[in-house]
Amino acid sequence: MDIGNKILMLRKQQNITQEKLAAEMGVSIAAVSKWENGNSMPDIVMLCALSDYFGVTTDELLGRNKMEEIAICDDAKIVRETLRNIITKEGYRNIVLTENGRQLMDAIAKKAPYAVFLDINLPDADGLELLKEIKEKNAEIKVIMITANTSEQTKNQAVELGADAYITKPFLPEHIEMALSSL
């Protein structure tokens, strides 16, 4: 959900007019309208003010709920553990670790995660095929491909299949943090 839709939804839930919100935030009605239509976005100070006003966290306002589940699928234990540590430091607590495609798809069948960090080369599956299957079943799941494959062709294929981000190994924590913040 984009921020404009979230502001509109919160405003309507709390039965607040655009005029009242504009007055409370010290902006024009046109500014509120532009936010809700997706024609502009509040700056960081305004995001904080809006989250306080509506009684939600900035992550919730931006559509990121850190209580949602994140799945990690990589056959290398060190990669799974490293990703979990980075993601946990970002405030996410519900993290499912899987080491192959079957485990990942079983986990998704039980509860659809908010996001999946997915390796391309798995012992029992092709990560690109899993990406395609995940997006066909639930396009709302964010999929971040994480791989040692640096081929432009593979990267382009992943993007065409709906990957929300593509990170090559070895990665830095900042790469993971940027991918999470872009979701």
N, C-alpha and C. Protein backbone atom coordinates (compact mmCIF):
# COMPACT_ATOMS: atom_id res chain seq x y z
N MET A 1 0.86 -1.18 0.00
CA MET A 1 0.00 0.00 0.00
C MET A 1 0.90 1.23 0.00
N ASP A 2 0.60 2.19 -0.86
CA ASP A 2 1.41 3.39 -0.86
C ASP A 2 0.95 4.34 0.23
N ILE A 3 1.80 5.30 0.55
CA ILE A 3 1.53 6.20 1.68
C ILE A 3 0.27 7.03 1.47
N GLY A 4 0.01 7.44 0.23
CA GLY A 4 -1.20 8.22 -0.04
C GLY A 4 -2.47 7.46 0.31
N ASN A 5 -2.52 6.19 -0.10
CA ASN A 5 -3.68 5.37 0.24
C ASN A 5 -3.78 5.16 1.75
N LYS A 6 -2.62 5.02 2.41
CA LYS A 6 -2.63 4.82 3.86
C LYS A 6 -3.16 6.07 4.57
N ILE A 7 -2.72 7.26 4.14
CA ILE A 7 -3.21 8.51 4.74
C ILE A 7 -4.72 8.62 4.53
N LEU A 8 -5.17 8.34 3.31
CA LEU A 8 -6.60 8.41 3.00
C LEU A 8 -7.38 7.43 3.88
N MET A 9 -6.88 6.20 3.99
CA MET A 9 -7.56 5.18 4.79
C MET A 9 -7.64 5.61 6.27
N LEU A 10 -6.53 6.07 6.81
CA LEU A 10 -6.52 6.51 8.21
C LEU A 10 -7.44 7.71 8.43
N ARG A 11 -7.42 8.64 7.49
CA ARG A 11 -8.26 9.83 7.60
C ARG A 11 -9.73 9.43 7.61
N LYS A 12 -10.11 8.52 6.73
CA LYS A 12 -11.51 8.08 6.66
C LYS A 12 -11.90 7.25 7.88
N GLN A 13 -10.99 6.39 8.34
CA GLN A 13 -11.26 5.58 9.53
C GLN A 13 -11.54 6.46 10.74
N GLN A 14 -10.83 7.57 10.82
CA GLN A 14 -10.99 8.46 11.97
C GLN A 14 -11.95 9.61 11.68
N ASN A 15 -12.63 9.52 10.53
CA ASN A 15 -13.65 10.50 10.15
C ASN A 15 -13.11 11.94 10.20
N ILE A 16 -11.97 12.12 9.54
CA ILE A 16 -11.32 13.43 9.49
C ILE A 16 -11.37 13.93 8.05
N THR A 17 -11.76 15.17 7.88
CA THR A 17 -11.81 15.75 6.53
C THR A 17 -10.40 16.17 6.10
N GLN A 18 -10.24 16.36 4.80
CA GLN A 18 -8.97 16.87 4.29
C GLN A 18 -8.68 18.25 4.90
N GLU A 19 -9.74 19.03 5.04
CA GLU A 19 -9.58 20.37 5.59
C GLU A 19 -9.04 20.33 7.02
N LYS A 20 -9.61 19.44 7.83
CA LYS A 20 -9.17 19.33 9.22
C LYS A 20 -7.73 18.83 9.29
N LEU A 21 -7.40 17.82 8.50
CA LEU A 21 -6.04 17.29 8.51
C LEU A 21 -5.05 18.37 8.07
N ALA A 22 -5.40 19.10 7.02
CA ALA A 22 -4.53 20.19 6.54
C ALA A 22 -4.30 21.22 7.64
N ALA A 23 -5.37 21.61 8.32
CA ALA A 23 -5.26 22.61 9.39
C ALA A 23 -4.39 22.08 10.54
N GLU A 24 -4.59 20.82 10.93
CA GLU A 24 -3.83 20.22 12.03
C GLU A 24 -2.34 20.10 11.69
N MET A 25 -2.04 19.84 10.41
CA MET A 25 -0.66 19.64 9.99
C MET A 25 0.01 20.94 9.54
N GLY A 26 -0.78 22.01 9.41
CA GLY A 26 -0.23 23.29 8.98
C GLY A 26 0.16 23.32 7.52
N VAL A 27 -0.62 22.60 6.70
CA VAL A 27 -0.37 22.57 5.26
C VAL A 27 -1.66 22.93 4.53
N SER A 28 -1.55 23.07 3.23
CA SER A 28 -2.74 23.38 2.45
C SER A 28 -3.57 22.12 2.20
N ILE A 29 -4.83 22.33 1.89
CA ILE A 29 -5.71 21.22 1.52
C ILE A 29 -5.16 20.55 0.26
N ALA A 30 -4.61 21.37 -0.63
CA ALA A 30 -4.02 20.84 -1.87
C ALA A 30 -2.89 19.87 -1.56
N ALA A 31 -2.08 20.16 -0.53
CA ALA A 31 -0.98 19.27 -0.16
C ALA A 31 -1.52 17.91 0.29
N VAL A 32 -2.56 17.92 1.12
CA VAL A 32 -3.17 16.67 1.58
C VAL A 32 -3.73 15.90 0.38
N SER A 33 -4.39 16.61 -0.51
CA SER A 33 -4.95 15.98 -1.71
C SER A 33 -3.84 15.36 -2.57
N LYS A 34 -2.74 16.08 -2.73
CA LYS A 34 -1.62 15.55 -3.52
C LYS A 34 -1.03 14.30 -2.87
N TRP A 35 -0.92 14.28 -1.54
CA TRP A 35 -0.42 13.08 -0.86
C TRP A 35 -1.33 11.90 -1.15
N GLU A 36 -2.62 12.12 -0.98
CA GLU A 36 -3.59 11.03 -1.14
C GLU A 36 -3.69 10.55 -2.58
N ASN A 37 -3.44 11.44 -3.54
CA ASN A 37 -3.49 11.05 -4.96
C ASN A 37 -2.17 10.50 -5.45
N GLY A 38 -1.15 10.53 -4.61
CA GLY A 38 0.16 10.02 -5.00
C GLY A 38 0.96 10.99 -5.86
N ASN A 39 0.53 12.26 -5.91
CA ASN A 39 1.25 13.24 -6.71
C ASN A 39 2.43 13.86 -5.98
N SER A 40 2.48 13.72 -4.67
CA SER A 40 3.62 14.15 -3.87
C SER A 40 3.65 13.32 -2.60
N MET A 41 4.74 13.45 -1.88
CA MET A 41 4.89 12.67 -0.66
C MET A 41 5.33 13.60 0.47
N PRO A 42 4.82 13.38 1.66
CA PRO A 42 5.24 14.21 2.80
C PRO A 42 6.73 14.04 3.06
N ASP A 43 7.40 15.11 3.50
CA ASP A 43 8.81 14.97 3.87
C ASP A 43 8.91 14.22 5.20
N ILE A 44 10.14 13.94 5.62
CA ILE A 44 10.34 13.10 6.80
C ILE A 44 9.75 13.72 8.07
N VAL A 45 9.86 15.03 8.20
CA VAL A 45 9.29 15.70 9.39
C VAL A 45 7.77 15.54 9.38
N MET A 46 7.17 15.73 8.20
CA MET A 46 5.71 15.59 8.09
C MET A 46 5.29 14.14 8.30
N LEU A 47 6.09 13.19 7.82
CA LEU A 47 5.77 11.77 8.06
C LEU A 47 5.69 11.49 9.56
N CYS A 48 6.65 12.02 10.29
CA CYS A 48 6.64 11.83 11.76
C CYS A 48 5.42 12.49 12.38
N ALA A 49 5.10 13.70 11.93
CA ALA A 49 3.92 14.41 12.46
C ALA A 49 2.64 13.65 12.14
N LEU A 50 2.53 13.14 10.92
CA LEU A 50 1.35 12.37 10.52
C LEU A 50 1.23 11.08 11.33
N SER A 51 2.34 10.40 11.56
CA SER A 51 2.27 9.16 12.33
C SER A 51 1.83 9.45 13.77
N ASP A 52 2.33 10.54 14.35
CA ASP A 52 1.88 10.94 15.69
C ASP A 52 0.39 11.29 15.68
N TYR A 53 -0.02 12.03 14.70
CA TYR A 53 -1.42 12.48 14.60
C TYR A 53 -2.37 11.28 14.50
N PHE A 54 -2.01 10.32 13.66
CA PHE A 54 -2.89 9.16 13.47
C PHE A 54 -2.66 8.06 14.50
N GLY A 55 -1.62 8.18 15.32
CA GLY A 55 -1.35 7.18 16.35
C GLY A 55 -0.81 5.88 15.78
N VAL A 56 0.01 5.98 14.74
CA VAL A 56 0.64 4.80 14.13
C VAL A 56 2.14 5.06 14.05
N THR A 57 2.91 4.01 13.85
CA THR A 57 4.35 4.19 13.67
C THR A 57 4.61 4.68 12.25
N THR A 58 5.77 5.26 12.05
CA THR A 58 6.12 5.68 10.68
C THR A 58 6.21 4.48 9.76
N ASP A 59 6.68 3.34 10.29
CA ASP A 59 6.72 2.13 9.47
C ASP A 59 5.31 1.73 9.02
N GLU A 60 4.35 1.80 9.92
CA GLU A 60 2.97 1.48 9.54
C GLU A 60 2.44 2.47 8.51
N LEU A 61 2.77 3.74 8.70
CA LEU A 61 2.33 4.77 7.76
C LEU A 61 2.93 4.52 6.38
N LEU A 62 4.15 4.05 6.35
CA LEU A 62 4.82 3.75 5.08
C LEU A 62 4.43 2.37 4.55
N GLY A 63 3.58 1.66 5.29
CA GLY A 63 3.14 0.35 4.84
C GLY A 63 4.06 -0.77 5.23
N ARG A 64 4.98 -0.50 6.16
CA ARG A 64 5.89 -1.55 6.61
C ARG A 64 5.53 -1.92 8.04
N ASN A 65 5.13 -3.14 8.22
CA ASN A 65 4.78 -3.62 9.55
C ASN A 65 5.85 -4.59 9.99
N LYS A 66 6.65 -4.21 10.96
CA LYS A 66 7.78 -5.03 11.39
C LYS A 66 7.35 -6.26 12.16
N MET A 67 6.06 -6.41 12.42
CA MET A 67 5.59 -7.63 13.05
C MET A 67 5.23 -8.68 12.00
N GLU A 68 5.23 -8.28 10.75
CA GLU A 68 4.94 -9.24 9.70
C GLU A 68 6.12 -10.18 9.52
N GLU A 69 5.83 -11.31 8.94
CA GLU A 69 6.83 -12.35 8.79
C GLU A 69 7.73 -12.11 7.58
N ILE A 70 9.00 -12.45 7.75
CA ILE A 70 9.96 -12.43 6.66
C ILE A 70 10.56 -13.82 6.57
N ALA A 71 10.61 -14.36 5.36
CA ALA A 71 11.20 -15.68 5.15
C ALA A 71 12.55 -15.52 4.44
N ILE A 72 13.48 -16.36 4.85
CA ILE A 72 14.80 -16.38 4.23
C ILE A 72 15.00 -17.79 3.70
N CYS A 73 15.35 -17.89 2.41
CA CYS A 73 15.60 -19.20 1.80
C CYS A 73 16.98 -19.18 1.15
N ASP A 74 17.90 -19.87 1.78
CA ASP A 74 19.26 -20.00 1.25
C ASP A 74 19.82 -21.31 1.78
N ASP A 75 20.53 -22.04 0.94
CA ASP A 75 21.07 -23.33 1.37
C ASP A 75 22.30 -23.18 2.25
N ALA A 76 22.91 -22.00 2.31
CA ALA A 76 24.08 -21.77 3.15
C ALA A 76 23.65 -21.24 4.52
N LYS A 77 23.94 -22.00 5.56
CA LYS A 77 23.54 -21.61 6.91
C LYS A 77 24.12 -20.25 7.29
N ILE A 78 25.36 -19.98 6.92
CA ILE A 78 25.99 -18.70 7.27
C ILE A 78 25.23 -17.53 6.66
N VAL A 79 24.72 -17.71 5.45
CA VAL A 79 23.95 -16.65 4.79
C VAL A 79 22.62 -16.46 5.51
N ARG A 80 21.94 -17.56 5.83
CA ARG A 80 20.66 -17.47 6.56
C ARG A 80 20.85 -16.74 7.88
N GLU A 81 21.87 -17.12 8.63
CA GLU A 81 22.12 -16.52 9.94
C GLU A 81 22.50 -15.04 9.81
N THR A 82 23.33 -14.72 8.83
CA THR A 82 23.74 -13.33 8.62
C THR A 82 22.54 -12.47 8.26
N LEU A 83 21.72 -12.96 7.34
CA LEU A 83 20.51 -12.22 6.97
C LEU A 83 19.59 -12.03 8.18
N ARG A 84 19.40 -13.09 8.95
CA ARG A 84 18.54 -12.99 10.13
C ARG A 84 19.06 -11.93 11.09
N ASN A 85 20.36 -11.90 11.31
CA ASN A 85 20.94 -10.91 12.23
C ASN A 85 20.72 -9.49 11.72
N ILE A 86 20.93 -9.26 10.45
CA ILE A 86 20.74 -7.92 9.88
C ILE A 86 19.27 -7.51 9.96
N ILE A 87 18.39 -8.41 9.58
CA ILE A 87 16.95 -8.11 9.56
C ILE A 87 16.43 -7.88 10.98
N THR A 88 16.94 -8.66 11.93
CA THR A 88 16.54 -8.49 13.33
C THR A 88 16.97 -7.11 13.84
N LYS A 89 18.15 -6.67 13.46
CA LYS A 89 18.63 -5.35 13.88
C LYS A 89 17.76 -4.24 13.30
N GLU A 90 17.08 -4.51 12.20
CA GLU A 90 16.17 -3.54 11.60
C GLU A 90 14.80 -3.53 12.29
N GLY A 91 14.63 -4.41 13.29
CA GLY A 91 13.40 -4.40 14.08
C GLY A 91 12.40 -5.49 13.75
N TYR A 92 12.69 -6.30 12.75
CA TYR A 92 11.78 -7.39 12.40
C TYR A 92 12.03 -8.56 13.34
N ARG A 93 10.96 -9.19 13.79
CA ARG A 93 11.09 -10.26 14.79
C ARG A 93 10.61 -11.62 14.28
N ASN A 94 9.69 -11.64 13.35
CA ASN A 94 9.12 -12.90 12.86
C ASN A 94 9.86 -13.33 11.60
N ILE A 95 10.91 -14.12 11.78
CA ILE A 95 11.75 -14.53 10.68
C ILE A 95 11.76 -16.04 10.59
N VAL A 96 11.45 -16.54 9.39
CA VAL A 96 11.42 -17.98 9.14
C VAL A 96 12.63 -18.32 8.28
N LEU A 97 13.41 -19.29 8.72
CA LEU A 97 14.59 -19.72 7.96
C LEU A 97 14.29 -21.02 7.24
N THR A 98 14.56 -21.05 5.95
CA THR A 98 14.40 -22.27 5.15
C THR A 98 15.66 -22.47 4.33
N GLU A 99 15.98 -23.73 4.07
CA GLU A 99 17.22 -24.01 3.34
C GLU A 99 17.00 -24.56 1.95
N ASN A 100 15.74 -24.76 1.57
CA ASN A 100 15.48 -25.23 0.21
C ASN A 100 14.08 -24.78 -0.24
N GLY A 101 13.82 -24.99 -1.51
CA GLY A 101 12.56 -24.54 -2.09
C GLY A 101 11.34 -25.18 -1.47
N ARG A 102 11.43 -26.46 -1.19
CA ARG A 102 10.28 -27.17 -0.61
C ARG A 102 9.91 -26.58 0.74
N GLN A 103 10.92 -26.36 1.60
CA GLN A 103 10.66 -25.78 2.91
C GLN A 103 10.06 -24.38 2.78
N LEU A 104 10.57 -23.60 1.84
CA LEU A 104 10.04 -22.25 1.64
C LEU A 104 8.58 -22.30 1.23
N MET A 105 8.25 -23.12 0.24
CA MET A 105 6.87 -23.16 -0.24
C MET A 105 5.93 -23.73 0.82
N ASP A 106 6.41 -24.65 1.64
CA ASP A 106 5.61 -25.15 2.76
C ASP A 106 5.34 -24.03 3.77
N ALA A 107 6.37 -23.23 4.05
CA ALA A 107 6.21 -22.11 4.99
C ALA A 107 5.23 -21.07 4.44
N ILE A 108 5.33 -20.78 3.15
CA ILE A 108 4.43 -19.81 2.52
C ILE A 108 2.99 -20.32 2.53
N ALA A 109 2.83 -21.63 2.33
CA ALA A 109 1.48 -22.21 2.34
C ALA A 109 0.83 -22.08 3.71
N LYS A 110 1.64 -22.15 4.76
CA LYS A 110 1.10 -22.02 6.13
C LYS A 110 0.74 -20.58 6.44
N LYS A 111 1.62 -19.66 6.07
CA LYS A 111 1.38 -18.25 6.33
C LYS A 111 2.20 -17.43 5.35
N ALA A 112 1.51 -16.64 4.55
CA ALA A 112 2.20 -15.82 3.56
C ALA A 112 3.03 -14.75 4.26
N PRO A 113 4.33 -14.72 4.01
CA PRO A 113 5.16 -13.69 4.64
C PRO A 113 5.02 -12.36 3.93
N TYR A 114 5.45 -11.31 4.59
CA TYR A 114 5.49 -9.99 3.98
C TYR A 114 6.56 -9.97 2.89
N ALA A 115 7.71 -10.58 3.18
CA ALA A 115 8.82 -10.57 2.24
C ALA A 115 9.59 -11.87 2.31
N VAL A 116 10.27 -12.18 1.20
CA VAL A 116 11.11 -13.37 1.11
C VAL A 116 12.48 -12.95 0.56
N PHE A 117 13.53 -13.37 1.25
CA PHE A 117 14.88 -13.26 0.71
C PHE A 117 15.17 -14.62 0.09
N LEU A 118 15.40 -14.66 -1.21
CA LEU A 118 15.44 -15.92 -1.95
C LEU A 118 16.72 -16.06 -2.75
N ASP A 119 17.44 -17.14 -2.50
CA ASP A 119 18.63 -17.48 -3.28
C ASP A 119 18.18 -18.04 -4.63
N ILE A 120 18.97 -17.83 -5.66
CA ILE A 120 18.61 -18.38 -6.97
C ILE A 120 19.02 -19.84 -7.08
N ASN A 121 20.19 -20.18 -6.56
CA ASN A 121 20.69 -21.55 -6.68
C ASN A 121 20.45 -22.33 -5.40
N LEU A 122 19.42 -23.15 -5.45
CA LEU A 122 19.06 -23.97 -4.30
C LEU A 122 19.25 -25.44 -4.67
N PRO A 123 19.47 -26.32 -3.69
CA PRO A 123 19.73 -27.73 -4.00
C PRO A 123 18.56 -28.44 -4.67
N ASP A 124 17.35 -27.99 -4.41
CA ASP A 124 16.19 -28.71 -4.94
C ASP A 124 15.31 -27.87 -5.86
N ALA A 125 15.72 -26.63 -6.13
CA ALA A 125 14.85 -25.76 -6.93
C ALA A 125 15.64 -24.63 -7.57
N ASP A 126 15.05 -24.09 -8.61
CA ASP A 126 15.58 -22.90 -9.27
C ASP A 126 14.87 -21.71 -8.63
N GLY A 127 15.64 -20.81 -8.04
CA GLY A 127 15.06 -19.65 -7.37
C GLY A 127 14.20 -18.79 -8.27
N LEU A 128 14.55 -18.71 -9.54
CA LEU A 128 13.73 -17.93 -10.47
C LEU A 128 12.37 -18.58 -10.68
N GLU A 129 12.33 -19.90 -10.73
CA GLU A 129 11.05 -20.60 -10.84
C GLU A 129 10.23 -20.41 -9.57
N LEU A 130 10.90 -20.43 -8.42
CA LEU A 130 10.19 -20.18 -7.16
C LEU A 130 9.64 -18.76 -7.12
N LEU A 131 10.43 -17.80 -7.59
CA LEU A 131 9.98 -16.41 -7.66
C LEU A 131 8.71 -16.32 -8.49
N LYS A 132 8.73 -16.95 -9.65
CA LYS A 132 7.55 -16.94 -10.53
C LYS A 132 6.34 -17.54 -9.83
N GLU A 133 6.54 -18.68 -9.17
CA GLU A 133 5.45 -19.36 -8.48
C GLU A 133 4.91 -18.51 -7.32
N ILE A 134 5.81 -17.90 -6.56
CA ILE A 134 5.39 -17.06 -5.43
C ILE A 134 4.55 -15.90 -5.93
N LYS A 135 5.02 -15.21 -6.96
CA LYS A 135 4.31 -14.04 -7.49
C LYS A 135 2.97 -14.41 -8.12
N GLU A 136 2.90 -15.59 -8.75
CA GLU A 136 1.64 -16.05 -9.33
C GLU A 136 0.61 -16.34 -8.25
N LYS A 137 1.06 -16.90 -7.14
CA LYS A 137 0.15 -17.26 -6.04
C LYS A 137 -0.22 -16.06 -5.18
N ASN A 138 0.74 -15.15 -4.97
CA ASN A 138 0.49 -13.99 -4.11
C ASN A 138 1.43 -12.86 -4.51
N ALA A 139 0.98 -12.00 -5.40
CA ALA A 139 1.80 -10.90 -5.92
C ALA A 139 2.17 -9.89 -4.84
N GLU A 140 1.47 -9.91 -3.70
CA GLU A 140 1.74 -8.96 -2.63
C GLU A 140 3.03 -9.28 -1.86
N ILE A 141 3.49 -10.53 -1.93
CA ILE A 141 4.71 -10.91 -1.23
C ILE A 141 5.89 -10.24 -1.92
N LYS A 142 6.69 -9.53 -1.15
CA LYS A 142 7.89 -8.88 -1.67
C LYS A 142 9.00 -9.93 -1.74
N VAL A 143 9.66 -10.01 -2.89
CA VAL A 143 10.72 -11.01 -3.06
C VAL A 143 12.03 -10.30 -3.39
N ILE A 144 13.02 -10.54 -2.56
CA ILE A 144 14.35 -9.99 -2.75
C ILE A 144 15.25 -11.15 -3.14
N MET A 145 15.74 -11.13 -4.36
CA MET A 145 16.65 -12.18 -4.80
C MET A 145 18.02 -11.87 -4.21
N ILE A 146 18.67 -12.89 -3.69
CA ILE A 146 19.98 -12.73 -3.09
C ILE A 146 20.85 -13.86 -3.60
N THR A 147 21.87 -13.52 -4.40
CA THR A 147 22.58 -14.55 -5.14
C THR A 147 24.00 -14.14 -5.48
N ALA A 148 24.81 -15.13 -5.76
CA ALA A 148 26.17 -14.88 -6.24
C ALA A 148 26.17 -14.68 -7.75
N ASN A 149 25.04 -14.90 -8.38
CA ASN A 149 24.92 -14.77 -9.84
C ASN A 149 24.91 -13.29 -10.22
N THR A 150 25.95 -12.86 -10.93
CA THR A 150 26.06 -11.45 -11.32
C THR A 150 25.67 -11.22 -12.77
N SER A 151 25.12 -12.22 -13.43
CA SER A 151 24.73 -12.11 -14.83
C SER A 151 23.61 -11.09 -15.01
N GLU A 152 23.81 -10.16 -15.95
CA GLU A 152 22.76 -9.18 -16.26
C GLU A 152 21.51 -9.88 -16.77
N GLN A 153 21.69 -10.93 -17.53
CA GLN A 153 20.55 -11.67 -18.07
C GLN A 153 19.71 -12.26 -16.94
N THR A 154 20.37 -12.84 -15.94
CA THR A 154 19.64 -13.41 -14.81
C THR A 154 18.95 -12.31 -14.02
N LYS A 155 19.65 -11.21 -13.80
CA LYS A 155 19.06 -10.08 -13.07
C LYS A 155 17.83 -9.56 -13.80
N ASN A 156 17.94 -9.38 -15.10
CA ASN A 156 16.80 -8.90 -15.90
C ASN A 156 15.64 -9.89 -15.86
N GLN A 157 15.95 -11.17 -15.90
CA GLN A 157 14.90 -12.19 -15.82
C GLN A 157 14.18 -12.12 -14.47
N ALA A 158 14.95 -11.94 -13.40
CA ALA A 158 14.36 -11.84 -12.07
C ALA A 158 13.42 -10.63 -11.99
N VAL A 159 13.85 -9.51 -12.54
CA VAL A 159 13.03 -8.30 -12.52
C VAL A 159 11.76 -8.53 -13.35
N GLU A 160 11.90 -9.15 -14.52
CA GLU A 160 10.72 -9.45 -15.36
C GLU A 160 9.74 -10.36 -14.64
N LEU A 161 10.25 -11.27 -13.81
CA LEU A 161 9.38 -12.20 -13.08
C LEU A 161 8.78 -11.57 -11.82
N GLY A 162 9.17 -10.34 -11.50
CA GLY A 162 8.56 -9.63 -10.39
C GLY A 162 9.41 -9.43 -9.16
N ALA A 163 10.72 -9.70 -9.24
CA ALA A 163 11.58 -9.47 -8.07
C ALA A 163 11.51 -8.01 -7.66
N ASP A 164 11.40 -7.78 -6.37
CA ASP A 164 11.32 -6.42 -5.84
C ASP A 164 12.71 -5.83 -5.61
N ALA A 165 13.72 -6.69 -5.51
CA ALA A 165 15.11 -6.24 -5.37
C ALA A 165 16.01 -7.41 -5.76
N TYR A 166 17.25 -7.09 -6.10
CA TYR A 166 18.23 -8.09 -6.51
C TYR A 166 19.55 -7.72 -5.87
N ILE A 167 20.05 -8.56 -4.97
CA ILE A 167 21.28 -8.29 -4.24
C ILE A 167 22.27 -9.41 -4.55
N THR A 168 23.50 -9.02 -4.88
CA THR A 168 24.51 -10.03 -5.16
C THR A 168 25.38 -10.27 -3.93
N LYS A 169 25.82 -11.51 -3.83
CA LYS A 169 26.72 -11.92 -2.76
C LYS A 169 28.15 -11.70 -3.25
N PRO A 170 29.08 -11.34 -2.41
CA PRO A 170 28.86 -11.03 -1.00
C PRO A 170 28.18 -9.68 -0.86
N PHE A 171 27.36 -9.55 0.15
CA PHE A 171 26.62 -8.31 0.36
C PHE A 171 27.05 -7.66 1.66
N LEU A 172 26.77 -6.39 1.76
CA LEU A 172 27.01 -5.63 2.99
C LEU A 172 25.67 -5.46 3.72
N PRO A 173 25.68 -5.29 5.03
CA PRO A 173 24.43 -5.06 5.75
C PRO A 173 23.61 -3.92 5.15
N GLU A 174 24.30 -2.88 4.65
CA GLU A 174 23.60 -1.73 4.06
C GLU A 174 22.75 -2.14 2.87
N HIS A 175 23.20 -3.15 2.10
CA HIS A 175 22.42 -3.62 0.96
C HIS A 175 21.08 -4.19 1.41
N ILE A 176 21.12 -4.95 2.49
CA ILE A 176 19.91 -5.58 3.02
C ILE A 176 19.00 -4.49 3.61
N GLU A 177 19.60 -3.57 4.36
CA GLU A 177 18.82 -2.48 4.96
C GLU A 177 18.13 -1.64 3.89
N MET A 178 18.86 -1.35 2.79
CA MET A 178 18.25 -0.56 1.70
C MET A 178 17.12 -1.33 1.04
N ALA A 179 17.30 -2.63 0.83
CA ALA A 179 16.24 -3.43 0.23
C ALA A 179 15.01 -3.43 1.11
N LEU A 180 15.18 -3.59 2.41
CA LEU A 180 14.04 -3.58 3.34
C LEU A 180 13.34 -2.23 3.33
N SER A 181 14.10 -1.16 3.33
CA SER A 181 13.47 0.17 3.38
C SER A 181 12.77 0.53 2.09
N SER A 182 13.14 -0.15 0.99
CA SER A 182 12.48 0.16 -0.30
C SER A 182 11.19 -0.61 -0.51
N LEU A 183 10.89 -1.57 0.36
CA LEU A 183 9.69 -2.41 0.17
C LEU A 183 8.42 -1.66 0.51
